[in-house]
């Protein structure tokens, strides 16, 4: 059975810095390591940014044909270490979205 933590079990002050415990990796991290989520009580997502990005990459890999799944398969065929596969796709997704946001452009599969 999954254990749900109370608010005070997920938040603390350490060295005068507010920290939150990630719901995925269970590590204590600075609150700036979490995405904002205004619907949550504390205004922060339950998972840290790193876990959220890896989760998004894993989801993109599982779904039908898309550019990130094709990128993942190309990396595997080129011999990337399977331990690094989701991290690589996550980094590619974040960098692609960041570039799109900065240039105010739409997604193009050719940039992968």
Protein backbone atom coordinates (compact mmCIF):
# COMPACT_ATOMS: atom_id res chain seq x y z
CA UNK A 1 0.00 0.00 0.00
CA UNK A 2 1.29 3.41 -0.97
CA UNK A 3 2.14 5.74 1.89
CA UNK A 4 1.08 9.34 1.51
CA UNK A 5 3.14 11.90 3.40
CA UNK A 6 1.61 14.81 5.26
CA UNK A 7 2.62 18.37 4.44
CA UNK A 8 5.01 18.66 7.38
CA UNK A 9 6.68 15.35 6.39
CA UNK A 10 7.44 16.68 2.89
CA UNK A 11 8.77 20.12 3.88
CA UNK A 12 11.59 21.26 6.13
CA UNK A 13 14.13 23.99 6.80
CA UNK A 14 17.75 22.89 6.54
CA UNK A 15 20.52 25.44 6.96
CA UNK A 16 17.88 28.19 6.74
CA UNK A 17 16.78 26.98 3.29
CA UNK A 18 13.30 25.67 2.56
CA UNK A 19 13.42 22.14 1.21
CA UNK A 20 10.88 19.69 -0.10
CA UNK A 21 11.05 15.92 -0.49
CA UNK A 22 10.54 14.62 -4.03
CA UNK A 23 7.67 12.16 -4.33
CA UNK A 24 9.55 10.08 -6.90
CA UNK A 25 13.21 9.87 -5.86
CA UNK A 26 12.50 10.66 -2.17
CA UNK A 27 15.48 13.04 -1.94
CA UNK A 28 15.35 16.35 -0.10
CA UNK A 29 15.85 19.21 -2.55
CA UNK A 30 15.68 22.99 -2.52
CA UNK A 31 12.23 24.29 -3.47
CA UNK A 32 13.65 25.89 -6.63
CA UNK A 33 14.30 22.34 -7.91
CA UNK A 34 10.52 21.87 -8.30
CA UNK A 35 8.24 23.19 -11.03
CA UNK A 36 5.50 25.56 -9.95
CA UNK A 37 2.03 24.07 -9.72
CA UNK A 38 -0.49 26.61 -8.45
CA UNK A 39 -3.16 23.99 -7.71
CA UNK A 40 -1.05 22.29 -5.06
CA UNK A 41 -1.18 23.50 -1.46
CA UNK A 42 2.46 24.61 -1.45
CA UNK A 43 2.42 25.86 -5.06
CA UNK A 44 5.01 23.28 -6.14
CA UNK A 45 4.86 20.02 -8.09
CA UNK A 46 5.20 16.75 -6.21
CA UNK A 47 8.19 15.55 -8.27
CA UNK A 48 11.47 17.46 -8.67
CA UNK A 49 12.34 18.85 -12.10
CA UNK A 50 14.76 16.02 -12.87
CA UNK A 51 12.21 13.28 -12.08
CA UNK A 52 9.47 15.15 -13.94
CA UNK A 53 11.63 15.47 -17.06
CA UNK A 54 12.59 11.80 -16.97
CA UNK A 55 8.93 10.87 -16.48
CA UNK A 56 7.92 12.99 -19.48
CA UNK A 57 10.63 11.35 -21.59
CA UNK A 58 9.51 7.87 -20.53
CA UNK A 59 5.95 8.76 -21.45
CA UNK A 60 7.00 10.10 -24.86
CA UNK A 61 8.99 6.92 -25.54
CA UNK A 62 6.01 4.68 -24.71
CA UNK A 63 3.53 6.46 -26.96
CA UNK A 64 3.00 5.87 -30.65
CA UNK A 65 5.29 7.29 -33.29
CA UNK A 66 6.56 10.71 -32.35
CA UNK A 67 9.80 12.57 -32.88
CA UNK A 68 11.21 11.79 -29.42
CA UNK A 69 10.49 8.07 -29.72
CA UNK A 70 12.26 8.06 -33.10
CA UNK A 71 15.20 9.94 -31.52
CA UNK A 72 15.31 7.34 -28.71
CA UNK A 73 15.35 4.44 -31.19
CA UNK A 74 18.12 6.11 -33.22
CA UNK A 75 20.22 6.46 -30.06
CA UNK A 76 19.71 2.80 -29.17
CA UNK A 77 20.70 1.71 -32.67
CA UNK A 78 23.84 3.88 -32.38
CA UNK A 79 24.81 2.01 -29.21
CA UNK A 80 23.99 4.40 -26.37
CA UNK A 81 24.19 2.90 -22.90
CA UNK A 82 20.60 1.92 -21.93
CA UNK A 83 21.16 3.38 -18.45
CA UNK A 84 21.43 6.86 -19.99
CA UNK A 85 18.65 6.60 -22.57
CA UNK A 86 15.80 8.34 -20.74
CA UNK A 87 18.13 11.05 -19.41
CA UNK A 88 19.26 11.82 -22.97
CA UNK A 89 15.71 12.05 -24.27
CA UNK A 90 14.72 14.21 -21.28
CA UNK A 91 17.61 16.62 -21.96
CA UNK A 92 16.65 16.76 -25.63
CA UNK A 93 13.01 17.49 -24.77
CA UNK A 94 13.93 20.28 -22.34
CA UNK A 95 16.40 21.90 -24.72
CA UNK A 96 13.93 21.70 -27.62
CA UNK A 97 11.10 23.25 -25.60
CA UNK A 98 13.41 25.95 -24.28
CA UNK A 99 14.55 26.85 -27.80
CA UNK A 100 10.95 26.91 -29.02
CA UNK A 101 9.96 29.22 -26.16
CA UNK A 102 12.87 31.60 -26.78
CA UNK A 103 12.29 31.86 -30.54
CA UNK A 104 8.49 31.71 -30.26
CA UNK A 105 8.40 28.97 -32.90
CA UNK A 106 6.45 25.78 -33.42
CA UNK A 107 7.83 22.27 -33.09
CA UNK A 108 9.68 20.88 -36.10
CA UNK A 109 10.87 17.25 -36.17
CA UNK A 110 13.87 18.22 -38.27
CA UNK A 111 15.59 19.84 -35.31
CA UNK A 112 15.94 16.48 -33.57
